């Protein structure tokens, strides 16, 4: 699983109180092969009880030739966040 967390850092001061804005998870659903992966992508709201905002799917992802950052970028695209 990959978790991407968006954090607000006031004035860029890493010592200030930080606020989580949202989380995205990318989970391998186990239906792919060694070379190709299928993933469930979920975007969650902030808070003590995060709620699902959007959900998407990535299929036949070439995990051998494409790095994790490309998978994360594809997840944003699938969630229609640009």
Protein backbone atom coordinates (compact mmCIF):
# COMPACT_ATOMS: atom_id res chain seq x y z
CA UNK A 1 0.00 0.00 0.00
CA UNK A 2 1.11 3.53 -0.76
CA UNK A 3 -0.25 6.38 1.38
CA UNK A 4 0.04 9.97 0.16
CA UNK A 5 -0.71 12.59 2.83
CA UNK A 6 -1.30 16.28 2.14
CA UNK A 7 -0.12 18.43 5.06
CA UNK A 8 -0.51 22.17 5.59
CA UNK A 9 2.63 23.69 7.15
CA UNK A 10 1.86 27.28 8.23
CA UNK A 11 4.38 29.77 6.82
CA UNK A 12 6.65 26.84 5.93
CA UNK A 13 7.62 26.53 9.58
CA UNK A 14 8.08 22.79 10.20
CA UNK A 15 7.98 23.43 13.97
CA UNK A 16 4.47 24.96 13.78
CA UNK A 17 1.31 22.92 14.26
CA UNK A 18 0.71 21.02 11.03
CA UNK A 19 -2.72 20.11 9.68
CA UNK A 20 -3.48 17.04 7.58
CA UNK A 21 -5.69 18.07 4.67
CA UNK A 22 -6.39 14.66 3.14
CA UNK A 23 -4.99 11.18 2.49
CA UNK A 24 -4.86 9.04 -0.61
CA UNK A 25 -4.27 5.30 -0.57
CA UNK A 26 -3.14 3.14 -3.48
CA UNK A 27 -3.71 -0.54 -2.74
CA UNK A 28 -2.67 -3.50 -4.88
CA UNK A 29 -5.79 -5.67 -5.13
CA UNK A 30 -3.80 -8.84 -5.84
CA UNK A 31 -5.43 -9.59 -9.21
CA UNK A 32 -2.46 -8.66 -11.40
CA UNK A 33 0.72 -10.48 -12.31
CA UNK A 34 4.39 -10.05 -11.47
CA UNK A 35 4.75 -7.50 -14.29
CA UNK A 36 1.33 -5.81 -14.24
CA UNK A 37 -0.57 -4.58 -11.20
CA UNK A 38 -4.18 -3.58 -10.53
CA UNK A 39 -4.83 -0.95 -7.87
CA UNK A 40 -7.71 0.58 -5.93
CA UNK A 41 -7.23 4.30 -5.31
CA UNK A 42 -9.14 6.09 -2.52
CA UNK A 43 -9.10 9.74 -1.48
CA UNK A 44 -10.17 10.46 2.11
CA UNK A 45 -11.10 13.66 3.92
CA UNK A 46 -9.28 14.89 7.00
CA UNK A 47 -10.45 14.45 10.56
CA UNK A 48 -10.83 11.82 13.25
CA UNK A 49 -13.35 9.94 11.10
CA UNK A 50 -12.07 10.34 7.53
CA UNK A 51 -14.70 9.83 4.86
CA UNK A 52 -14.22 8.53 1.35
CA UNK A 53 -14.31 11.44 -1.12
CA UNK A 54 -13.44 9.70 -4.38
CA UNK A 55 -12.51 6.24 -5.57
CA UNK A 56 -10.81 5.07 -8.77
CA UNK A 57 -9.09 2.05 -10.27
CA UNK A 58 -5.80 1.60 -12.13
CA UNK A 59 -5.51 -1.59 -14.18
CA UNK A 60 -2.62 -3.29 -15.99
CA UNK A 61 -0.03 -0.92 -14.52
CA UNK A 62 3.46 -1.87 -15.69
CA UNK A 63 5.14 -1.95 -12.29
CA UNK A 64 8.49 -3.12 -13.71
CA UNK A 65 9.22 -0.13 -15.94
CA UNK A 66 7.28 2.66 -14.19
CA UNK A 67 8.38 4.12 -10.83
CA UNK A 68 6.09 4.74 -7.84
CA UNK A 69 5.85 8.47 -8.58
CA UNK A 70 4.30 7.70 -11.98
CA UNK A 71 1.73 5.49 -10.24
CA UNK A 72 0.92 8.34 -7.83
CA UNK A 73 0.56 10.78 -10.74
CA UNK A 74 -1.75 8.31 -12.51
CA UNK A 75 -3.82 8.00 -9.32
CA UNK A 76 -4.35 11.79 -9.24
CA UNK A 77 -5.36 11.69 -12.90
CA UNK A 78 -7.84 8.85 -12.32
CA UNK A 79 -9.36 10.72 -9.37
CA UNK A 80 -9.74 13.70 -11.74
CA UNK A 81 -7.53 15.90 -9.58
CA UNK A 82 -5.32 18.17 -11.62
